[in-house]
Amino acid sequence: YADLVDKLVCEVLTSVAPDKYIDECIADSF
């Protein structure tokens, strides 16, 4: 499910969050 979670999180956060926050959000989801 990494691709799914990555896609969902990136769709929401790409415009406001640096990569480290996106990566943390993905990890926190799991």
All heavy atoms as atom14 arrays in JSON, in Angstrom:
{
  "sequence": "YADLVDKLVCEVLTSVAPDKYIDECIADSF",
  "atom14_mask": [
    [1, 1, 1, 1, 1, 1, 1, 1, 1, 1, 1, 1, 0, 0],
    [1, 1, 1, 1, 1, 0, 0, 0, 0, 0, 0, 0, 0, 0],
    [1, 1, 1, 1, 1, 1, 1, 1, 0, 0, 0, 0, 0, 0],
    [1, 1, 1, 1, 1, 1, 1, 1, 0, 0, 0, 0, 0, 0],
    [1, 1, 1, 1, 1, 1, 1, 0, 0, 0, 0, 0, 0, 0],
    [1, 1, 1, 1, 1, 1, 1, 1, 0, 0, 0, 0, 0, 0],
    [1, 1, 1, 1, 1, 1, 1, 1, 1, 0, 0, 0, 0, 0],
    [1, 1, 1, 1, 1, 1, 1, 1, 0, 0, 0, 0, 0, 0],
    [1, 1, 1, 1, 1, 1, 1, 0, 0, 0, 0, 0, 0, 0],
    [1, 1, 1, 1, 1, 1, 0, 0, 0, 0, 0, 0, 0, 0],
    [1, 1, 1, 1, 1, 1, 1, 1, 1, 0, 0, 0, 0, 0],
    [1, 1, 1, 1, 1, 1, 1, 0, 0, 0, 0, 0, 0, 0],
    [1, 1, 1, 1, 1, 1, 1, 1, 0, 0, 0, 0, 0, 0],
    [1, 1, 1, 1, 1, 1, 1, 0, 0, 0, 0, 0, 0, 0],
    [1, 1, 1, 1, 1, 1, 0, 0, 0, 0, 0, 0, 0, 0],
    [1, 1, 1, 1, 1, 1, 1, 0, 0, 0, 0, 0, 0, 0],
    [1, 1, 1, 1, 1, 0, 0, 0, 0, 0, 0, 0, 0, 0],
    [1, 1, 1, 1, 1, 1, 1, 0, 0, 0, 0, 0, 0, 0],
    [1, 1, 1, 1, 1, 1, 1, 1, 0, 0, 0, 0, 0, 0],
    [1, 1, 1, 1, 1, 1, 1, 1, 1, 0, 0, 0, 0, 0],
    [1, 1, 1, 1, 1, 1, 1, 1, 1, 1, 1, 1, 0, 0],
    [1, 1, 1, 1, 1, 1, 1, 1, 0, 0, 0, 0, 0, 0],
    [1, 1, 1, 1, 1, 1, 1, 1, 0, 0, 0, 0, 0, 0],
    [1, 1, 1, 1, 1, 1, 1, 1, 1, 0, 0, 0, 0, 0],
    [1, 1, 1, 1, 1, 1, 0, 0, 0, 0, 0, 0, 0, 0],
    [1, 1, 1, 1, 1, 1, 1, 1, 0, 0, 0, 0, 0, 0],
    [1, 1, 1, 1, 1, 0, 0, 0, 0, 0, 0, 0, 0, 0],
    [1, 1, 1, 1, 1, 1, 1, 1, 0, 0, 0, 0, 0, 0],
    [1, 1, 1, 1, 1, 1, 0, 0, 0, 0, 0, 0, 0, 0],
    [1, 1, 1, 1, 1, 1, 1, 1, 1, 1, 1, 0, 0, 0]
  ],
  "atom14_positions": [
    [[0.78, -1.24, 0.0], [0.0, 0.0, 0.0], [0.82, 1.29, 0.0], [0.24, 2.38, 0.09], [-0.97, 0.0, 1.18], [-1.98, -1.12, 1.06], [-1.91, -2.23, 1.88], [-2.98, -1.07, 0.1], [-2.82, -3.27, 1.75], [-3.89, -2.1, -0.03], [-3.81, -3.2, 0.8], [-4.71, -4.22, 0.65], [0.0, 0.0, 0.0], [0.0, 0.0, 0.0]],
    [[2.12, 1.21, -0.16], [2.95, 2.42, -0.14], [2.57, 3.37, -1.27], [2.48, 4.59, -1.06], [4.43, 2.06, -0.23], [0.0, 0.0, 0.0], [0.0, 0.0, 0.0], [0.0, 0.0, 0.0], [0.0, 0.0, 0.0], [0.0, 0.0, 0.0], [0.0, 0.0, 0.0], [0.0, 0.0, 0.0], [0.0, 0.0, 0.0], [0.0, 0.0, 0.0]],
    [[2.33, 2.85, -2.46], [1.98, 3.71, -3.58], [0.66, 4.44, -3.33], [0.53, 5.63, -3.63], [1.89, 2.92, -4.88], [3.25, 2.45, -5.39], [4.28, 3.02, -4.96], [3.27, 1.53, -6.22], [0.0, 0.0, 0.0], [0.0, 0.0, 0.0], [0.0, 0.0, 0.0], [0.0, 0.0, 0.0], [0.0, 0.0, 0.0], [0.0, 0.0, 0.0]],
    [[-0.32, 3.73, -2.79], [-1.61, 4.34, -2.5], [-1.47, 5.47, -1.48], [-1.95, 6.58, -1.69], [-2.59, 3.29, -1.95], [-3.88, 3.84, -1.35], [-4.82, 4.32, -2.44], [-4.54, 2.8, -0.47], [0.0, 0.0, 0.0], [0.0, 0.0, 0.0], [0.0, 0.0, 0.0], [0.0, 0.0, 0.0], [0.0, 0.0, 0.0], [0.0, 0.0, 0.0]],
    [[-0.81, 5.18, -0.37], [-0.66, 6.17, 0.7], [0.15, 7.36, 0.2], [-0.2, 8.51, 0.45], [-0.04, 5.54, 1.96], [0.27, 6.59, 3.01], [-0.98, 4.47, 2.53], [0.0, 0.0, 0.0], [0.0, 0.0, 0.0], [0.0, 0.0, 0.0], [0.0, 0.0, 0.0], [0.0, 0.0, 0.0], [0.0, 0.0, 0.0], [0.0, 0.0, 0.0]],
    [[1.21, 7.09, -0.54], [2.03, 8.17, -1.11], [1.18, 9.07, -2.0], [1.25, 10.3, -1.9], [3.19, 7.57, -1.9], [4.11, 8.62, -2.45], [4.89, 9.21, -1.67], [4.06, 8.87, -3.67], [0.0, 0.0, 0.0], [0.0, 0.0, 0.0], [0.0, 0.0, 0.0], [0.0, 0.0, 0.0], [0.0, 0.0, 0.0], [0.0, 0.0, 0.0]],
    [[0.4, 8.48, -2.88], [-0.44, 9.26, -3.79], [-1.44, 10.11, -3.04], [-1.61, 11.31, -3.33], [-1.15, 8.33, -4.77], [-2.02, 9.06, -5.77], [-2.71, 8.11, -6.72], [-3.59, 8.9, -7.66], [-4.4, 8.06, -8.51], [0.0, 0.0, 0.0], [0.0, 0.0, 0.0], [0.0, 0.0, 0.0], [0.0, 0.0, 0.0], [0.0, 0.0, 0.0]],
    [[-2.12, 9.53, -2.08], [-3.14, 10.27, -1.33], [-2.53, 11.43, -0.55], [-3.05, 12.55, -0.58], [-3.88, 9.33, -0.37], [-4.76, 8.26, -1.02], [-5.25, 7.28, 0.04], [-5.92, 8.88, -1.75], [0.0, 0.0, 0.0], [0.0, 0.0, 0.0], [0.0, 0.0, 0.0], [0.0, 0.0, 0.0], [0.0, 0.0, 0.0], [0.0, 0.0, 0.0]],
    [[-1.44, 11.17, 0.14], [-0.8, 12.2, 0.95], [-0.23, 13.31, 0.06], [-0.42, 14.49, 0.34], [0.28, 11.58, 1.86], [1.12, 12.65, 2.52], [-0.38, 10.69, 2.91], [0.0, 0.0, 0.0], [0.0, 0.0, 0.0], [0.0, 0.0, 0.0], [0.0, 0.0, 0.0], [0.0, 0.0, 0.0], [0.0, 0.0, 0.0], [0.0, 0.0, 0.0]],
    [[0.41, 12.93, -1.02], [1.01, 13.94, -1.92], [-0.05, 14.82, -2.57], [0.16, 16.02, -2.75], [1.86, 13.27, -2.98], [3.44, 12.66, -2.33], [0.0, 0.0, 0.0], [0.0, 0.0, 0.0], [0.0, 0.0, 0.0], [0.0, 0.0, 0.0], [0.0, 0.0, 0.0], [0.0, 0.0, 0.0], [0.0, 0.0, 0.0], [0.0, 0.0, 0.0]],
    [[-1.19, 14.24, -2.92], [-2.26, 15.04, -3.52], [-2.72, 16.16, -2.59], [-3.06, 17.24, -3.03], [-3.45, 14.16, -3.89], [-3.23, 13.36, -5.14], [-4.42, 12.5, -5.51], [-5.51, 12.64, -4.91], [-4.26, 11.67, -6.42], [0.0, 0.0, 0.0], [0.0, 0.0, 0.0], [0.0, 0.0, 0.0], [0.0, 0.0, 0.0], [0.0, 0.0, 0.0]],
    [[-2.71, 15.9, -1.32], [-3.16, 16.9, -0.34], [-2.05, 17.86, 0.03], [-2.29, 19.07, 0.16], [-3.72, 16.2, 0.93], [-4.07, 17.21, 2.0], [-4.92, 15.34, 0.58], [0.0, 0.0, 0.0], [0.0, 0.0, 0.0], [0.0, 0.0, 0.0], [0.0, 0.0, 0.0], [0.0, 0.0, 0.0], [0.0, 0.0, 0.0], [0.0, 0.0, 0.0]],
    [[-0.84, 17.38, 0.2], [0.21, 18.18, 0.84], [1.25, 18.82, -0.07], [1.99, 19.69, 0.38], [0.94, 17.31, 1.87], [0.12, 16.88, 3.07], [0.96, 15.98, 3.97], [-0.38, 18.08, 3.84], [0.0, 0.0, 0.0], [0.0, 0.0, 0.0], [0.0, 0.0, 0.0], [0.0, 0.0, 0.0], [0.0, 0.0, 0.0], [0.0, 0.0, 0.0]],
    [[1.33, 18.41, -1.32], [2.42, 18.89, -2.17], [2.51, 20.42, -2.22], [3.6, 20.97, -2.23], [2.28, 18.3, -3.59], [2.39, 16.89, -3.49], [3.36, 18.82, -4.51], [0.0, 0.0, 0.0], [0.0, 0.0, 0.0], [0.0, 0.0, 0.0], [0.0, 0.0, 0.0], [0.0, 0.0, 0.0], [0.0, 0.0, 0.0], [0.0, 0.0, 0.0]],
    [[1.39, 21.1, -2.2], [1.41, 22.56, -2.34], [1.8, 23.3, -1.05], [2.13, 24.48, -1.1], [0.05, 23.07, -2.82], [-0.94, 22.81, -1.83], [0.0, 0.0, 0.0], [0.0, 0.0, 0.0], [0.0, 0.0, 0.0], [0.0, 0.0, 0.0], [0.0, 0.0, 0.0], [0.0, 0.0, 0.0], [0.0, 0.0, 0.0], [0.0, 0.0, 0.0]],
    [[1.76, 22.61, 0.09], [2.01, 23.32, 1.36], [3.12, 22.73, 2.22], [3.57, 23.38, 3.16], [0.73, 23.42, 2.22], [-0.35, 24.22, 1.51], [0.22, 22.06, 2.64], [0.0, 0.0, 0.0], [0.0, 0.0, 0.0], [0.0, 0.0, 0.0], [0.0, 0.0, 0.0], [0.0, 0.0, 0.0], [0.0, 0.0, 0.0], [0.0, 0.0, 0.0]],
    [[3.53, 21.51, 1.93], [4.45, 20.84, 2.84], [5.77, 20.47, 2.18], [5.78, 20.0, 1.04], [3.81, 19.57, 3.4], [0.0, 0.0, 0.0], [0.0, 0.0, 0.0], [0.0, 0.0, 0.0], [0.0, 0.0, 0.0], [0.0, 0.0, 0.0], [0.0, 0.0, 0.0], [0.0, 0.0, 0.0], [0.0, 0.0, 0.0], [0.0, 0.0, 0.0]],
    [[6.87, 20.66, 2.9], [8.15, 20.16, 2.39], [8.15, 18.62, 2.41], [7.36, 17.99, 3.11], [9.19, 20.73, 3.35], [8.45, 21.23, 4.53], [7.01, 21.36, 4.17], [0.0, 0.0, 0.0], [0.0, 0.0, 0.0], [0.0, 0.0, 0.0], [0.0, 0.0, 0.0], [0.0, 0.0, 0.0], [0.0, 0.0, 0.0], [0.0, 0.0, 0.0]],
    [[9.07, 18.05, 1.64], [9.13, 16.59, 1.5], [9.23, 15.87, 2.84], [8.64, 14.8, 3.02], [10.31, 16.18, 0.62], [10.07, 16.53, -0.84], [8.91, 16.81, -1.22], [11.04, 16.5, -1.61], [0.0, 0.0, 0.0], [0.0, 0.0, 0.0], [0.0, 0.0, 0.0], [0.0, 0.0, 0.0], [0.0, 0.0, 0.0], [0.0, 0.0, 0.0]],
    [[9.96, 16.43, 3.8], [10.13, 15.71, 5.07], [8.79, 15.57, 5.8], [8.54, 14.56, 6.43], [11.19, 16.37, 5.96], [10.79, 17.65, 6.62], [11.88, 18.13, 7.56], [11.36, 19.25, 8.43], [12.29, 19.6, 9.47], [0.0, 0.0, 0.0], [0.0, 0.0, 0.0], [0.0, 0.0, 0.0], [0.0, 0.0, 0.0], [0.0, 0.0, 0.0]],
    [[7.91, 16.55, 5.7], [6.59, 16.45, 6.32], [5.72, 15.43, 5.6], [4.95, 14.7, 6.23], [5.88, 17.79, 6.35], [6.45, 18.76, 7.35], [7.02, 19.96, 6.95], [6.41, 18.5, 8.72], [7.54, 20.85, 7.87], [6.93, 19.39, 9.64], [7.49, 20.55, 9.21], [8.01, 21.44, 10.12], [0.0, 0.0, 0.0], [0.0, 0.0, 0.0]],
    [[5.84, 15.41, 4.28], [5.09, 14.42, 3.5], [5.55, 13.02, 3.87], [4.72, 12.13, 4.11], [5.25, 14.7, 1.99], [4.54, 16.02, 1.63], [4.72, 13.54, 1.16], [4.79, 16.51, 0.22], [0.0, 0.0, 0.0], [0.0, 0.0, 0.0], [0.0, 0.0, 0.0], [0.0, 0.0, 0.0], [0.0, 0.0, 0.0], [0.0, 0.0, 0.0]],
    [[6.85, 12.81, 3.93], [7.38, 11.5, 4.3], [6.94, 11.08, 5.7], [6.59, 9.93, 5.93], [8.91, 11.49, 4.21], [9.43, 11.62, 2.79], [8.65, 11.39, 1.84], [10.62, 11.97, 2.63], [0.0, 0.0, 0.0], [0.0, 0.0, 0.0], [0.0, 0.0, 0.0], [0.0, 0.0, 0.0], [0.0, 0.0, 0.0], [0.0, 0.0, 0.0]],
    [[6.95, 12.03, 6.63], [6.5, 11.73, 8.0], [5.02, 11.38, 8.03], [4.61, 10.47, 8.76], [6.78, 12.92, 8.92], [8.23, 13.09, 9.27], [8.5, 14.31, 10.14], [7.55, 14.88, 10.7], [9.68, 14.69, 10.25], [0.0, 0.0, 0.0], [0.0, 0.0, 0.0], [0.0, 0.0, 0.0], [0.0, 0.0, 0.0], [0.0, 0.0, 0.0]],
    [[4.22, 12.08, 7.25], [2.79, 11.8, 7.2], [2.54, 10.4, 6.66], [1.68, 9.67, 7.18], [2.08, 12.86, 6.35], [0.29, 12.72, 6.36], [0.0, 0.0, 0.0], [0.0, 0.0, 0.0], [0.0, 0.0, 0.0], [0.0, 0.0, 0.0], [0.0, 0.0, 0.0], [0.0, 0.0, 0.0], [0.0, 0.0, 0.0], [0.0, 0.0, 0.0]],
    [[3.28, 10.02, 5.64], [3.15, 8.68, 5.07], [3.52, 7.63, 6.13], [2.76, 6.68, 6.36], [4.01, 8.55, 3.8], [3.44, 9.41, 2.68], [4.13, 7.08, 3.38], [4.38, 9.62, 1.51], [0.0, 0.0, 0.0], [0.0, 0.0, 0.0], [0.0, 0.0, 0.0], [0.0, 0.0, 0.0], [0.0, 0.0, 0.0], [0.0, 0.0, 0.0]],
    [[4.65, 7.82, 6.76], [5.08, 6.87, 7.8], [4.09, 6.82, 8.96], [3.74, 5.73, 9.44], [6.47, 7.24, 8.3], [0.0, 0.0, 0.0], [0.0, 0.0, 0.0], [0.0, 0.0, 0.0], [0.0, 0.0, 0.0], [0.0, 0.0, 0.0], [0.0, 0.0, 0.0], [0.0, 0.0, 0.0], [0.0, 0.0, 0.0], [0.0, 0.0, 0.0]],
    [[3.62, 7.98, 9.38], [2.66, 8.05, 10.49], [1.35, 7.33, 10.14], [0.7, 6.78, 11.03], [2.36, 9.5, 10.87], [3.52, 10.18, 11.57], [4.47, 9.48, 12.0], [3.48, 11.42, 11.69], [0.0, 0.0, 0.0], [0.0, 0.0, 0.0], [0.0, 0.0, 0.0], [0.0, 0.0, 0.0], [0.0, 0.0, 0.0], [0.0, 0.0, 0.0]],
    [[0.98, 7.34, 8.88], [-0.25, 6.65, 8.46], [-0.12, 5.14, 8.69], [-1.06, 4.5, 9.18], [-0.55, 6.94, 6.99], [-0.78, 8.31, 6.78], [0.0, 0.0, 0.0], [0.0, 0.0, 0.0], [0.0, 0.0, 0.0], [0.0, 0.0, 0.0], [0.0, 0.0, 0.0], [0.0, 0.0, 0.0], [0.0, 0.0, 0.0], [0.0, 0.0, 0.0]],
    [[1.03, 4.59, 8.34], [1.25, 3.15, 8.57], [1.33, 2.83, 10.06], [0.8, 1.82, 10.51], [2.5, 2.67, 7.83], [2.29, 2.55, 6.35], [2.8, 3.5, 5.48], [1.58, 1.49, 5.82], [2.61, 3.39, 4.12], [1.38, 1.37, 4.46], [1.89, 2.33, 3.6], [0.0, 0.0, 0.0], [0.0, 0.0, 0.0], [0.0, 0.0, 0.0]]
  ]
}
